[in-house]
Amino acid sequence: MGIVTLLLIIINSTVTYKGLRNHSFFESYSFEIDRIFINKEYTRMITSGFLHVSWIHLIVNMLSLYFFSDALEIQMGLIKFLLIYFGSLLGGNIFSLIVHKNHGSYSAVGASGAVSGIIFAAIALFPGFGIRFFGIPFSVPAWLYGIAFVLFAIYGIRSPKDNIGHEAHLGGALTGLIIAIIMEPSSLVYNYLTILIILVPSVIFIYFILTKPAFLSIDNYFHKEQRNFYSIEHRYNAEKADVQRKVDMILEKIHRKGLESLSKKEKEILEEYSRRGR
């Protein structure tokens, strides 16, 4: 493991540990649309990439970083490797801002955008690279993984019923791929076909997002059946929305019937909500 990768894993683990133990800390540095657009808290674009909603979420991201980083860190050097990592983190979050600009309550955390960028930079520079998944006795060609990833991300963004942050994954992946190509333009000579197959549908899709926002929304039978599935990465966002709905209902009850009408449980919910907001 390279020294930069080790440091990134240590920082991610330390920040996540503090965020999981201190809700105020977590809220202060997570990715939140209104806080970024209205309050101009742009540092959240970076700090949110070091927070995770659970230890499983952290472990999955850090294992992915570990598996793909060695060859890339050696090939690119420390500075270029960090440029890919943080550039992909920003790219993923910028794309999330574009997709969710009208969803003020949207929030997210995680290093997935940065890690996706590292993975796709490796795909661009090492076309013969194989990806071995847990429990599978053979490796999947990196180019095939990249194509499947892009198609799944595009489909997921247009059908956002699974609460997975496909937009951050796709934005980070494309940013990492493009930065790697700029740094190593010779990759276009020996790996142009894979790069084009990944870039062309992604660029077309992003064009539609920018020019025809209504293009994003579709629905289908499969996703109607999957409404109750929650990914690790955005379970936090769903839980936060659920708490807000409960608080709104309690406040409406106070408005109609008075404070004394609240049950013990409702008072506890309000007290916890007030404590977290301080």
Protein backbone atom coordinates (compact mmCIF):
# COMPACT_ATOMS: atom_id res chain seq x y z
CA MET A 1 0.00 0.00 0.00
CA GLY A 2 1.31 3.46 -0.94
CA ILE A 3 1.90 6.10 1.72
CA VAL A 4 -0.75 8.46 0.29
CA THR A 5 -3.38 5.71 0.21
CA LEU A 6 -2.54 4.79 3.80
CA LEU A 7 -2.87 8.42 4.92
CA LEU A 8 -6.22 8.78 3.13
CA ILE A 9 -7.54 5.64 4.84
CA ILE A 10 -6.37 6.91 8.24
CA ILE A 11 -7.95 10.36 7.71
CA ASN A 12 -11.22 8.88 6.46
CA SER A 13 -11.37 6.51 9.42
CA THR A 14 -10.57 9.23 11.97
CA VAL A 15 -13.11 11.72 10.62
CA THR A 16 -15.77 9.03 10.28
CA TYR A 17 -15.15 7.89 13.88
CA LYS A 18 -15.67 11.42 15.17
CA GLY A 19 -18.74 11.94 12.96
CA LEU A 20 -20.39 8.74 14.16
CA ARG A 21 -19.83 9.72 17.79
CA ASN A 22 -20.77 13.39 17.43
CA HIS A 23 -23.92 14.21 15.48
CA SER A 24 -23.22 17.96 15.49
CA PHE A 25 -19.81 17.35 13.94
CA PHE A 26 -21.43 15.12 11.32
CA GLU A 27 -24.06 17.75 10.46
CA SER A 28 -21.43 20.50 10.27
CA TYR A 29 -19.41 18.84 7.52
CA SER A 30 -21.87 16.73 5.47
CA PHE A 31 -22.91 17.56 1.90
CA GLU A 32 -26.16 19.57 2.10
CA ILE A 33 -27.62 21.44 -0.86
CA ASP A 34 -29.11 24.39 1.04
CA ARG A 35 -26.01 24.88 3.19
CA ILE A 36 -23.84 25.00 0.09
CA PHE A 37 -26.07 27.15 -2.13
CA ILE A 38 -27.62 29.47 0.46
CA ASN A 39 -24.97 29.66 3.19
CA LYS A 40 -22.02 29.38 0.76
CA GLU A 41 -20.43 26.62 2.85
CA TYR A 42 -18.34 25.32 -0.02
CA THR A 43 -15.92 23.43 2.21
CA ARG A 44 -18.65 20.80 2.59
CA MET A 45 -17.81 19.75 -0.98
CA ILE A 46 -14.59 18.30 0.41
CA THR A 47 -15.30 17.55 4.07
CA SER A 48 -18.34 15.39 3.25
CA GLY A 49 -16.02 13.02 1.41
CA PHE A 50 -14.37 11.98 4.67
CA LEU A 51 -17.58 11.20 6.54
CA HIS A 52 -19.46 7.91 6.29
CA VAL A 53 -22.83 6.83 7.64
CA SER A 54 -21.53 3.55 9.11
CA TRP A 55 -18.41 1.45 9.51
CA ILE A 56 -19.59 -0.83 6.69
CA HIS A 57 -19.90 2.17 4.40
CA LEU A 58 -16.35 3.23 5.32
CA ILE A 59 -14.89 -0.27 4.91
CA VAL A 60 -16.43 -0.76 1.44
CA ASN A 61 -15.00 2.55 0.20
CA MET A 62 -11.58 2.04 1.77
CA LEU A 63 -11.25 -1.51 0.45
CA SER A 64 -12.08 -0.24 -3.05
CA LEU A 65 -9.47 2.51 -2.66
CA TYR A 66 -6.90 -0.03 -1.46
CA PHE A 67 -7.49 -2.47 -4.35
CA PHE A 68 -7.19 0.14 -7.10
CA SER A 69 -4.65 2.59 -5.72
CA ASP A 70 -1.32 0.74 -5.71
CA ALA A 71 -0.54 0.69 -9.42
CA LEU A 72 -2.00 4.16 -9.92
CA GLU A 73 -0.01 5.75 -7.09
CA ILE A 74 3.22 4.21 -8.40
CA GLN A 75 2.47 5.21 -12.02
CA MET A 76 1.31 8.77 -11.33
CA GLY A 77 3.30 9.80 -8.27
CA LEU A 78 1.98 11.37 -5.08
CA ILE A 79 0.90 14.78 -6.40
CA LYS A 80 -0.94 13.49 -9.47
CA PHE A 81 -2.58 10.74 -7.44
CA LEU A 82 -3.92 13.31 -4.98
CA LEU A 83 -5.12 15.52 -7.84
CA ILE A 84 -7.14 12.59 -9.20
CA TYR A 85 -8.55 11.76 -5.76
CA PHE A 86 -9.64 15.27 -4.76
CA GLY A 87 -10.58 16.26 -8.31
CA SER A 88 -12.90 13.25 -8.49
CA LEU A 89 -14.37 14.05 -5.08
CA LEU A 90 -15.18 17.58 -6.26
CA GLY A 91 -16.40 16.36 -9.64
CA GLY A 92 -18.82 13.94 -8.03
CA ASN A 93 -20.20 16.56 -5.65
CA ILE A 94 -20.50 19.21 -8.38
CA PHE A 95 -22.52 16.77 -10.45
CA SER A 96 -24.69 16.08 -7.40
CA LEU A 97 -25.26 19.83 -7.03
CA ILE A 98 -26.42 20.02 -10.65
CA VAL A 99 -28.76 17.05 -10.35
CA HIS A 100 -30.19 18.06 -6.95
CA LYS A 101 -30.10 21.87 -7.25
CA ASN A 102 -33.86 22.03 -6.64
CA HIS A 103 -33.81 19.52 -3.77
CA GLY A 104 -32.82 21.76 -0.87
CA SER A 105 -33.01 19.06 1.79
CA TYR A 106 -30.79 16.60 -0.09
CA SER A 107 -27.72 15.53 1.86
CA ALA A 108 -25.04 12.89 1.44
CA VAL A 109 -21.64 11.78 2.69
CA GLY A 110 -18.92 9.38 1.60
CA ALA A 111 -15.74 8.99 -0.42
CA SER A 112 -17.49 7.18 -3.27
CA GLY A 113 -16.94 9.96 -5.82
CA ALA A 114 -13.21 10.08 -5.08
CA VAL A 115 -12.88 6.29 -5.07
CA SER A 116 -14.84 6.01 -8.35
CA GLY A 117 -12.38 8.48 -9.87
CA ILE A 118 -9.43 6.37 -8.76
CA ILE A 119 -11.06 3.24 -10.23
CA PHE A 120 -11.72 4.88 -13.60
CA ALA A 121 -8.30 6.50 -13.78
CA ALA A 122 -6.89 2.97 -13.40
CA ILE A 123 -9.23 1.73 -16.16
CA ALA A 124 -7.97 4.50 -18.48
CA LEU A 125 -4.30 3.86 -17.82
CA PHE A 126 -4.27 0.07 -17.46
CA PRO A 127 -6.59 -1.41 -20.13
CA GLY A 128 -5.55 -4.98 -19.35
CA PHE A 129 -6.36 -4.54 -15.68
CA GLY A 130 -8.74 -7.13 -14.22
CA ILE A 131 -11.16 -6.65 -11.33
CA ARG A 132 -11.72 -9.56 -8.98
CA PHE A 133 -14.83 -9.43 -6.82
CA PHE A 134 -15.24 -11.22 -3.50
CA GLY A 135 -16.22 -14.86 -3.93
CA ILE A 136 -15.72 -14.89 -7.73
CA PRO A 137 -12.83 -17.13 -8.88
CA PHE A 138 -12.12 -15.09 -12.03
CA SER A 139 -11.45 -11.45 -12.82
CA VAL A 140 -13.69 -9.12 -14.84
CA PRO A 141 -11.92 -6.97 -17.48
CA ALA A 142 -11.70 -3.37 -16.27
CA TRP A 143 -13.18 -2.03 -19.52
CA LEU A 144 -16.28 -4.22 -19.11
CA TYR A 145 -16.69 -3.06 -15.52
CA GLY A 146 -16.41 0.56 -16.65
CA ILE A 147 -19.08 0.22 -19.33
CA ALA A 148 -21.47 -1.57 -16.94
CA PHE A 149 -20.81 1.05 -14.24
CA VAL A 150 -21.67 3.98 -16.53
CA LEU A 151 -24.85 2.35 -17.85
CA PHE A 152 -26.00 1.44 -14.33
CA ALA A 153 -25.27 4.96 -13.05
CA ILE A 154 -27.21 6.58 -15.91
CA TYR A 155 -30.14 4.26 -15.34
CA GLY A 156 -29.98 4.85 -11.58
CA ILE A 157 -29.96 8.65 -11.87
CA ARG A 158 -33.04 8.56 -14.09
CA SER A 159 -34.80 6.15 -11.72
CA PRO A 160 -33.75 7.38 -8.25
CA LYS A 161 -35.83 4.98 -6.18
CA ASP A 162 -32.99 3.08 -4.55
CA ASN A 163 -31.40 6.08 -2.73
CA ILE A 164 -27.96 5.28 -4.12
CA GLY A 165 -25.87 8.37 -4.99
CA HIS A 166 -25.39 7.40 -8.63
CA GLU A 167 -24.73 11.00 -9.63
CA ALA A 168 -21.71 11.32 -7.30
CA HIS A 169 -20.38 7.97 -8.52
CA LEU A 170 -20.74 8.92 -12.19
CA GLY A 171 -19.42 12.46 -11.74
CA GLY A 172 -16.42 11.23 -9.77
CA ALA A 173 -15.71 8.39 -12.20
CA LEU A 174 -15.72 10.65 -15.26
CA THR A 175 -13.63 13.30 -13.53
CA GLY A 176 -11.00 10.73 -12.57
CA LEU A 177 -10.98 9.32 -16.10
CA ILE A 178 -10.57 12.76 -17.71
CA ILE A 179 -7.84 13.89 -15.28
CA ALA A 180 -5.89 10.68 -15.93
CA ILE A 181 -6.15 11.21 -19.71
CA ILE A 182 -4.95 14.82 -19.40
CA MET A 183 -1.99 13.67 -17.30
CA GLU A 184 -1.21 10.69 -19.54
CA PRO A 185 -2.47 11.58 -23.05
CA SER A 186 -0.73 8.52 -24.49
CA SER A 187 -3.55 6.45 -22.95
CA LEU A 188 -5.75 7.69 -25.79
CA VAL A 189 -3.51 5.86 -28.25
CA TYR A 190 -3.52 2.41 -26.68
CA ASN A 191 -6.90 2.53 -24.88
CA TYR A 192 -9.02 4.84 -27.03
CA LEU A 193 -11.86 2.39 -27.65
CA THR A 194 -12.63 1.78 -23.96
CA ILE A 195 -12.34 5.48 -23.17
CA LEU A 196 -14.73 6.44 -25.97
CA ILE A 197 -17.28 3.78 -25.03
CA ILE A 198 -17.33 5.17 -21.48
CA LEU A 199 -17.17 8.88 -22.33
CA VAL A 200 -19.62 9.17 -25.22
CA PRO A 201 -22.83 7.96 -23.48
CA SER A 202 -21.84 9.81 -20.31
CA VAL A 203 -21.29 13.14 -22.08
CA ILE A 204 -24.58 12.77 -24.00
CA PHE A 205 -26.41 12.03 -20.75
CA ILE A 206 -24.87 15.04 -18.98
CA TYR A 207 -25.87 17.24 -21.94
CA PHE A 208 -29.49 16.19 -21.50
CA ILE A 209 -29.31 16.90 -17.75
CA LEU A 210 -28.06 20.43 -18.41
CA THR A 211 -30.45 21.24 -21.25
CA LYS A 212 -33.54 19.12 -20.50
CA PRO A 213 -33.89 18.56 -16.72
CA ALA A 214 -37.21 16.77 -17.19
CA PHE A 215 -35.23 14.01 -18.92
CA LEU A 216 -34.13 12.85 -15.47
CA SER A 217 -37.50 11.60 -14.26
CA ILE A 218 -38.78 8.20 -15.28
CA ASP A 219 -40.60 5.48 -13.44
CA ASN A 220 -41.02 1.80 -14.09
CA TYR A 221 -42.43 -1.34 -12.56
CA PHE A 222 -39.09 -2.62 -11.26
CA HIS A 223 -38.41 0.50 -9.22
CA LYS A 224 -41.95 0.59 -7.88
CA GLU A 225 -41.19 -2.84 -6.41
CA GLN A 226 -37.92 -1.56 -4.94
CA ARG A 227 -39.16 1.48 -2.99
CA ASN A 228 -38.20 0.00 0.38
CA PHE A 229 -34.57 -0.73 -0.52
CA TYR A 230 -32.01 1.59 1.06
CA SER A 231 -28.30 1.65 0.34
CA ILE A 232 -25.77 2.15 3.10
CA GLU A 233 -24.56 5.38 1.56
CA HIS A 234 -27.87 7.27 1.67
CA ARG A 235 -29.72 5.63 4.53
CA TYR A 236 -28.69 8.67 6.54
CA ASN A 237 -30.53 10.95 4.12
CA ALA A 238 -33.71 8.86 4.31
CA GLU A 239 -33.62 8.69 8.11
CA LYS A 240 -33.11 12.44 8.35
CA ALA A 241 -36.15 13.07 6.13
CA ASP A 242 -38.20 10.67 8.23
CA VAL A 243 -37.29 12.50 11.46
CA GLN A 244 -38.18 15.84 9.85
CA ARG A 245 -41.61 14.50 8.83
CA LYS A 246 -42.29 13.34 12.40
CA VAL A 247 -41.25 16.71 13.82
CA ASP A 248 -43.46 18.55 11.33
CA MET A 249 -46.44 16.43 12.38
CA ILE A 250 -45.76 17.11 16.07
CA LEU A 251 -45.49 20.86 15.46
CA GLU A 252 -48.78 20.77 13.56
CA LYS A 253 -50.37 18.94 16.50
CA ILE A 254 -49.10 21.62 18.92
CA HIS A 255 -50.55 24.31 16.65
CA ARG A 256 -53.97 22.62 16.62
CA LYS A 257 -54.25 21.19 20.16
CA GLY A 258 -51.52 22.78 22.28
CA LEU A 259 -48.31 21.53 23.87
CA GLU A 260 -50.14 19.55 26.57
CA SER A 261 -51.66 17.28 23.91
CA LEU A 262 -48.29 15.65 23.15
CA SER A 263 -47.52 12.13 24.25
CA LYS A 264 -44.34 11.26 26.15
CA LYS A 265 -42.82 9.79 22.99
CA GLU A 266 -43.61 12.91 20.95
CA LYS A 267 -41.99 15.13 23.59
CA GLU A 268 -38.88 12.94 23.51
CA ILE A 269 -38.68 13.27 19.71
CA LEU A 270 -38.94 17.07 19.96
CA GLU A 271 -36.34 17.22 22.72
CA GLU A 272 -33.89 15.07 20.72
CA TYR A 273 -34.50 17.13 17.58
CA SER A 274 -33.89 20.37 19.50
CA ARG A 275 -30.72 18.97 21.07
CA ARG A 276 -29.29 17.99 17.67
CA GLY A 277 -30.03 21.39 16.24
CA ARG A 278 -27.95 23.24 18.79
